[in-house]
PDB file of N, CA and C in Angstrom:
ATOM      1  N   MET A   1      34.456  49.027  92.803  1.00  0.00           N
ATOM      2  CA  MET A   1      35.797  48.433  92.723  1.00  0.00           C
ATOM      3  C   MET A   1      35.892  46.839  92.556  1.00  0.00           C
ATOM      4  N   LYS A   2      34.991  46.237  92.921  1.00  0.00           N
ATOM      5  CA  LYS A   2      34.901  44.778  92.985  1.00  0.00           C
ATOM      6  C   LYS A   2      34.796  44.279  91.477  1.00  0.00           C
ATOM      7  N   HIS A   3      34.084  44.938  90.526  1.00  0.00           N
ATOM      8  CA  HIS A   3      33.954  44.515  89.149  1.00  0.00           C
ATOM      9  C   HIS A   3      35.239  44.633  88.548  1.00  0.00           C
ATOM     10  N   ILE A   4      35.914  45.619  88.993  1.00  0.00           N
ATOM     11  CA  ILE A   4      37.182  45.860  88.192  1.00  0.00           C
ATOM     12  C   ILE A   4      38.364  44.821  88.605  1.00  0.00           C
ATOM     13  N   SER A   5      38.159  44.692  90.049  1.00  0.00           N
ATOM     14  CA  SER A   5      39.121  43.220  90.529  1.00  0.00           C
ATOM     15  C   SER A   5      38.683  42.180  89.589  1.00  0.00           C
ATOM     16  N   ILE A   6      37.441  41.793  89.296  1.00  0.00           N
ATOM     17  CA  ILE A   6      37.210  40.504  88.712  1.00  0.00           C
ATOM     18  C   ILE A   6      37.628  40.685  87.290  1.00  0.00           C
ATOM     19  N   ASP A   7      37.549  41.899  86.651  1.00  0.00           N
ATOM     20  CA  ASP A   7      38.026  41.815  85.123  1.00  0.00           C
ATOM     21  C   ASP A   7      39.491  41.714  84.984  1.00  0.00           C
ATOM     22  N   ILE A   8      40.282  42.267  86.297  1.00  0.00           N
ATOM     23  CA  ILE A   8      41.546  42.142  86.131  1.00  0.00           C
ATOM     24  C   ILE A   8      42.176  40.763  86.363  1.00  0.00           C
ATOM     25  N   HIS A   9      41.354  40.126  87.222  1.00  0.00           N
ATOM     26  CA  HIS A   9      41.791  38.499  87.318  1.00  0.00           C
ATOM     27  C   HIS A   9      41.275  37.806  86.043  1.00  0.00           C
ATOM     28  N   PHE A  10      40.126  38.133  85.509  1.00  0.00           N
ATOM     29  CA  PHE A  10      39.774  37.362  84.202  1.00  0.00           C
ATOM     30  C   PHE A  10      40.835  37.589  83.202  1.00  0.00           C
ATOM     31  N   VAL A  11      41.067  38.713  82.976  1.00  0.00           N
ATOM     32  CA  VAL A  11      42.348  39.243  81.872  1.00  0.00           C
ATOM     33  C   VAL A  11      43.550  38.402  82.379  1.00  0.00           C
ATOM     34  N   ARG A  12      43.986  38.447  83.246  1.00  0.00           N
ATOM     35  CA  ARG A  12      45.283  37.889  84.139  1.00  0.00           C
ATOM     36  C   ARG A  12      45.160  36.434  83.663  1.00  0.00           C
ATOM     37  N   ASP A  13      44.275  35.725  83.862  1.00  0.00           N
ATOM     38  CA  ASP A  13      44.100  34.285  83.878  1.00  0.00           C
ATOM     39  C   ASP A  13      44.158  33.897  82.228  1.00  0.00           C
ATOM     40  N   LEU A  14      43.507  34.680  81.403  1.00  0.00           N
ATOM     41  CA  LEU A  14      43.555  34.495  79.847  1.00  0.00           C
ATOM     42  C   LEU A  14      44.953  34.512  79.359  1.00  0.00           C
ATOM     43  N   VAL A  15      45.604  35.525  79.877  1.00  0.00           N
ATOM     44  CA  VAL A  15      47.170  35.835  79.436  1.00  0.00           C
ATOM     45  C   VAL A  15      47.963  34.569  79.739  1.00  0.00           C
ATOM     46  N   GLN A  16      47.653  34.246  81.159  1.00  0.00           N
ATOM     47  CA  GLN A  16      48.549  33.091  81.668  1.00  0.00           C
ATOM     48  C   GLN A  16      48.246  31.926  80.917  1.00  0.00           C
ATOM     49  N   GLN A  17      46.982  31.672  80.327  1.00  0.00           N
ATOM     50  CA  GLN A  17      46.737  30.381  79.629  1.00  0.00           C
ATOM     51  C   GLN A  17      46.941  30.543  78.107  1.00  0.00           C
ATOM     52  N   GLY A  18      47.581  31.749  77.741  1.00  0.00           N
ATOM     53  CA  GLY A  18      48.056  32.058  76.221  1.00  0.00           C
ATOM     54  C   GLY A  18      46.764  32.329  75.451  1.00  0.00           C
ATOM     55  N   LYS A  19      45.492  32.462  75.981  1.00  0.00           N
ATOM     56  CA  LYS A  19      44.544  32.621  75.208  1.00  0.00           C
ATOM     57  C   LYS A  19      44.333  34.141  74.714  1.00  0.00           C
ATOM     58  N   LEU A  20      44.977  35.246  75.490  1.00  0.00           N
ATOM     59  CA  LEU A  20      45.011  36.524  75.022  1.00  0.00           C
ATOM     60  C   LEU A  20      46.539  36.945  75.240  1.00  0.00           C
ATOM     61  N   LYS A  21      46.855  38.023  74.155  1.00  0.00           N
ATOM     62  CA  LYS A  21      48.166  38.518  74.394  1.00  0.00           C
ATOM     63  C   LYS A  21      47.917  39.979  74.330  1.00  0.00           C
ATOM     64  N   VAL A  22      48.583  40.511  75.404  1.00  0.00           N
ATOM     65  CA  VAL A  22      48.462  41.861  75.543  1.00  0.00           C
ATOM     66  C   VAL A  22      49.636  42.715  75.159  1.00  0.00           C
ATOM     67  N   GLN A  23      49.405  43.892  74.397  1.00  0.00           N
ATOM     68  CA  GLN A  23      50.643  44.423  73.726  1.00  0.00           C
ATOM     69  C   GLN A  23      50.383  46.099  74.210  1.00  0.00           C
ATOM     70  N   HIS A  24      51.268  46.700  74.341  1.00  0.00           N
ATOM     71  CA  HIS A  24      51.473  48.225  74.585  1.00  0.00           C
ATOM     72  C   HIS A  24      50.964  49.048  73.202  1.00  0.00           C
ATOM     73  N   VAL A  25      50.197  49.872  73.460  1.00  0.00           N
ATOM     74  CA  VAL A  25      49.832  50.702  72.270  1.00  0.00           C
ATOM     75  C   VAL A  25      50.245  52.221  72.671  1.00  0.00           C
ATOM     76  N   CYS A  26      51.028  52.503  71.665  1.00  0.00           N
ATOM     77  CA  CYS A  26      51.653  53.968  71.621  1.00  0.00           C
ATOM     78  C   CYS A  26      50.408  55.133  71.759  1.00  0.00           C
ATOM     79  N   THR A  27      50.767  56.095  72.346  1.00  0.00           N
ATOM     80  CA  THR A  27      49.938  57.153  72.533  1.00  0.00           C
ATOM     81  C   THR A  27      49.195  57.555  71.060  1.00  0.00           C
ATOM     82  N   VAL A  28      50.369  57.705  70.020  1.00  0.00           N
ATOM     83  CA  VAL A  28      49.925  58.156  68.517  1.00  0.00           C
ATOM     84  C   VAL A  28      48.926  57.129  67.948  1.00  0.00           C
ATOM     85  N   ASP A  29      48.929  55.794  68.524  1.00  0.00           N
ATOM     86  CA  ASP A  29      48.045  54.881  67.770  1.00  0.00           C
ATOM     87  C   ASP A  29      46.775  54.662  68.738  1.00  0.00           C
ATOM     88  N   GLN A  30      46.611  55.373  69.918  1.00  0.00           N
ATOM     89  CA  GLN A  30      45.434  54.997  70.837  1.00  0.00           C
ATOM     90  C   GLN A  30      44.059  55.623  70.080  1.00  0.00           C
ATOM     91  N   LEU A  31      43.218  54.652  69.542  1.00  0.00           N
ATOM     92  CA  LEU A  31      42.019  55.039  68.984  1.00  0.00           C
ATOM     93  C   LEU A  31      41.243  55.443  69.886  1.00  0.00           C
ATOM     94  N   ALA A  32      41.177  54.919  71.168  1.00  0.00           N
ATOM     95  CA  ALA A  32      40.140  55.423  72.228  1.00  0.00           C
ATOM     96  C   ALA A  32      40.177  57.028  72.602  1.00  0.00           C
ATOM     97  N   ASP A  33      41.319  57.507  72.299  1.00  0.00           N
ATOM     98  CA  ASP A  33      41.519  59.017  72.624  1.00  0.00           C
ATOM     99  C   ASP A  33      40.582  59.640  71.966  1.00  0.00           C
ATOM    100  N   CYS A  34      39.938  59.429  70.677  1.00  0.00           N
ATOM    101  CA  CYS A  34      39.012  59.962  70.042  1.00  0.00           C
ATOM    102  C   CYS A  34      37.747  60.187  70.809  1.00  0.00           C
ATOM    103  N   LEU A  35      37.519  59.211  71.775  1.00  0.00           N
ATOM    104  CA  LEU A  35      36.195  59.050  72.549  1.00  0.00           C
ATOM    105  C   LEU A  35      36.306  59.518  74.005  1.00  0.00           C
ATOM    106  N   THR A  36      37.546  59.789  74.231  1.00  0.00           N
ATOM    107  CA  THR A  36      37.808  60.035  75.817  1.00  0.00           C
ATOM    108  C   THR A  36      38.537  61.350  76.226  1.00  0.00           C
ATOM    109  N   LYS A  37      39.320  62.012  75.281  1.00  0.00           N
ATOM    110  CA  LYS A  37      40.066  63.233  75.514  1.00  0.00           C
ATOM    111  C   LYS A  37      39.706  64.250  74.284  1.00  0.00           C
ATOM    112  N   PRO A  38      40.068  65.542  75.120  1.00  0.00           N
ATOM    113  CA  PRO A  38      39.960  66.687  74.080  1.00  0.00           C
ATOM    114  C   PRO A  38      40.959  66.547  73.061  1.00  0.00           C
ATOM    115  N   LEU A  39      40.564  66.633  71.744  1.00  0.00           N
ATOM    116  CA  LEU A  39      41.601  66.816  70.758  1.00  0.00           C
ATOM    117  C   LEU A  39      41.539  67.906  69.788  1.00  0.00           C
ATOM    118  N   SER A  40      42.560  67.967  69.193  1.00  0.00           N
ATOM    119  CA  SER A  40      42.230  69.101  68.055  1.00  0.00           C
ATOM    120  C   SER A  40      41.455  68.452  66.927  1.00  0.00           C
ATOM    121  N   LYS A  41      40.824  69.480  66.149  1.00  0.00           N
ATOM    122  CA  LYS A  41      39.944  69.021  65.218  1.00  0.00           C
ATOM    123  C   LYS A  41      40.472  68.210  64.162  1.00  0.00           C
ATOM    124  N   SER A  42      41.776  68.276  63.810  1.00  0.00           N
ATOM    125  CA  SER A  42      42.504  67.400  62.935  1.00  0.00           C
ATOM    126  C   SER A  42      42.811  65.969  63.510  1.00  0.00           C
ATOM    127  N   ARG A  43      43.195  66.030  64.583  1.00  0.00           N
ATOM    128  CA  ARG A  43      43.458  64.653  65.314  1.00  0.00           C
ATOM    129  C   ARG A  43      42.251  63.826  65.601  1.00  0.00           C
ATOM    130  N   HIS A  44      41.141  64.637  66.158  1.00  0.00           N
ATOM    131  CA  HIS A  44      39.905  64.096  66.130  1.00  0.00           C
ATOM    132  C   HIS A  44      39.353  63.242  64.983  1.00  0.00           C
ATOM    133  N   ARG A  45      39.480  64.145  63.950  1.00  0.00           N
ATOM    134  CA  ARG A  45      38.949  63.458  62.552  1.00  0.00           C
ATOM    135  C   ARG A  45      39.810  62.328  62.091  1.00  0.00           C
ATOM    136  N   LEU A  46      41.035  62.323  62.324  1.00  0.00           N
ATOM    137  CA  LEU A  46      42.033  61.169  61.811  1.00  0.00           C
ATOM    138  C   LEU A  46      41.482  59.899  62.625  1.00  0.00           C
ATOM    139  N   LEU A  47      41.388  60.180  63.887  1.00  0.00           N
ATOM    140  CA  LEU A  47      41.281  59.085  64.731  1.00  0.00           C
ATOM    141  C   LEU A  47      39.697  58.497  64.516  1.00  0.00           C
ATOM    142  N   ARG A  48      38.660  59.303  64.362  1.00  0.00           N
ATOM    143  CA  ARG A  48      37.445  58.927  63.955  1.00  0.00           C
ATOM    144  C   ARG A  48      37.324  58.143  62.662  1.00  0.00           C
ATOM    145  N   ASN A  49      38.137  58.653  61.505  1.00  0.00           N
ATOM    146  CA  ASN A  49      38.112  57.924  60.554  1.00  0.00           C
ATOM    147  C   ASN A  49      38.601  56.569  60.569  1.00  0.00           C
ATOM    148  N   LYS A  50      39.860  56.534  61.428  1.00  0.00           N
ATOM    149  CA  LYS A  50      40.241  55.315  61.601  1.00  0.00           C
ATOM    150  C   LYS A  50      39.428  54.122  62.244  1.00  0.00           C
ATOM    151  N   ILE A  51      38.600  54.640  63.270  1.00  0.00           N
ATOM    152  CA  ILE A  51      37.688  53.464  63.714  1.00  0.00           C
ATOM    153  C   ILE A  51      36.185  53.492  63.021  1.00  0.00           C
ATOM    154  N   GLY A  52      36.098  54.028  61.962  1.00  0.00           N
ATOM    155  CA  GLY A  52      34.834  54.005  60.878  1.00  0.00           C
ATOM    156  C   GLY A  52      33.912  54.621  61.351  1.00  0.00           C
ATOM    157  N   VAL A  53      33.940  55.724  62.237  1.00  0.00           N
ATOM    158  CA  VAL A  53      32.992  56.673  62.736  1.00  0.00           C
ATOM    159  C   VAL A  53      32.486  57.742  61.706  1.00  0.00           C
ATOM    160  N   THR A  54      31.223  57.815  61.159  1.00  0.00           N
ATOM    161  CA  THR A  54      30.782  58.729  60.234  1.00  0.00           C
ATOM    162  C   THR A  54      31.136  60.173  60.686  1.00  0.00           C
ATOM    163  N   ASN A  55      31.223  61.308  59.845  1.00  0.00           N
ATOM    164  CA  ASN A  55      31.479  62.455  60.281  1.00  0.00           C
ATOM    165  C   ASN A  55      30.162  63.261  60.657  1.00  0.00           C
ATOM    166  N   GLY A  56      29.123  62.519  60.723  1.00  0.00           N
ATOM    167  CA  GLY A  56      27.878  63.184  61.297  1.00  0.00           C
ATOM    168  C   GLY A  56      26.856  63.817  60.341  1.00  0.00           C
ATOM    169  N   THR A  57      27.311  63.899  59.181  1.00  0.00           N
ATOM    170  CA  THR A  57      26.237  64.567  58.136  1.00  0.00           C
ATOM    171  C   THR A  57      25.091  63.591  57.848  1.00  0.00           C
ATOM    172  N   PRO A  58      24.012  63.909  57.872  1.00  0.00           N
ATOM    173  CA  PRO A  58      22.749  63.011  57.682  1.00  0.00           C
ATOM    174  C   PRO A  58      22.747  62.282  56.321  1.00  0.00           C
ATOM    175  N   ILE A  59      22.450  61.116  56.332  1.00  0.00           N
ATOM    176  CA  ILE A  59      22.540  60.271  55.239  1.00  0.00           C
ATOM    177  C   ILE A  59      21.056  60.456  54.432  1.00  0.00           C
ATOM    178  N   LEU A  60      20.026  60.604  55.229  1.00  0.00           N
ATOM    179  CA  LEU A  60      18.850  60.824  54.731  1.00  0.00           C
ATOM    180  C   LEU A  60      18.543  62.311  54.349  1.00  0.00           C
ATOM    181  N   ARG A  61      17.911  62.652  53.221  1.00  0.00           N
ATOM    182  CA  ARG A  61      17.751  63.949  52.596  1.00  0.00           C
ATOM    183  C   ARG A  61      16.336  64.306  52.833  1.00  0.00           C
ATOM    184  N   GLY A  62      15.929  65.574  52.963  1.00  0.00           N
ATOM    185  CA  GLY A  62      14.495  65.852  53.228  1.00  0.00           C
ATOM    186  C   GLY A  62      14.457  66.923  54.142  1.00  0.00           C
ATOM    187  N   ARG A  63      13.168  67.285  54.629  1.00  0.00           N
ATOM    188  CA  ARG A  63      13.029  68.325  55.678  1.00  0.00           C
ATOM    189  C   ARG A  63      12.003  67.717  56.686  1.00  0.00           C
ATOM    190  N   VAL A  64      12.092  67.987  57.949  1.00  0.00           N
ATOM    191  CA  VAL A  64      11.110  67.532  58.923  1.00  0.00           C
ATOM    192  C   VAL A  64       9.846  68.805  58.848  1.00  0.00           C
ATOM    193  N   ARG A  65       8.693  68.167  58.926  1.00  0.00           N
ATOM    194  CA  ARG A  65       7.674  68.932  58.904  1.00  0.00           C
ATOM    195  C   ARG A  65       7.201  69.364  60.085  1.00  0.00           C
ATOM    196  N   PRO A  66       6.909  70.589  60.522  1.00  0.00           N
ATOM    197  CA  PRO A  66       6.574  70.863  61.825  1.00  0.00           C
ATOM    198  C   PRO A  66       5.176  70.242  62.310  1.00  0.00           C
ATOM    199  N   THR A  67       4.888  69.654  63.634  1.00  0.00           N
ATOM    200  CA  THR A  67       3.762  69.175  63.776  1.00  0.00           C
ATOM    201  C   THR A  67       2.909  70.300  64.380  1.00  0.00           C
ATOM    202  N   LYS A  68       1.694  70.080  64.240  1.00  0.00           N
ATOM    203  CA  LYS A  68       0.485  71.105  64.443  1.00  0.00           C
ATOM    204  C   LYS A  68       0.065  70.877  65.937  1.00  0.00           C
TER     205      LYS A  68
END
């Protein structure tokens, strides 16, 4: 818990100095949900595309040869 307390104070100090502005993010716009919550396939795809994560299809073509 100590590292969380340090982070909270660090962010609070930056906000008080005017170096950081904290804004509320509506649940609909929360991009991190893609990485932290179970979502429907369509919602996951939408958020994944918004953060620029590829769909997982391989870029390289070819086949892996079995080792002997």
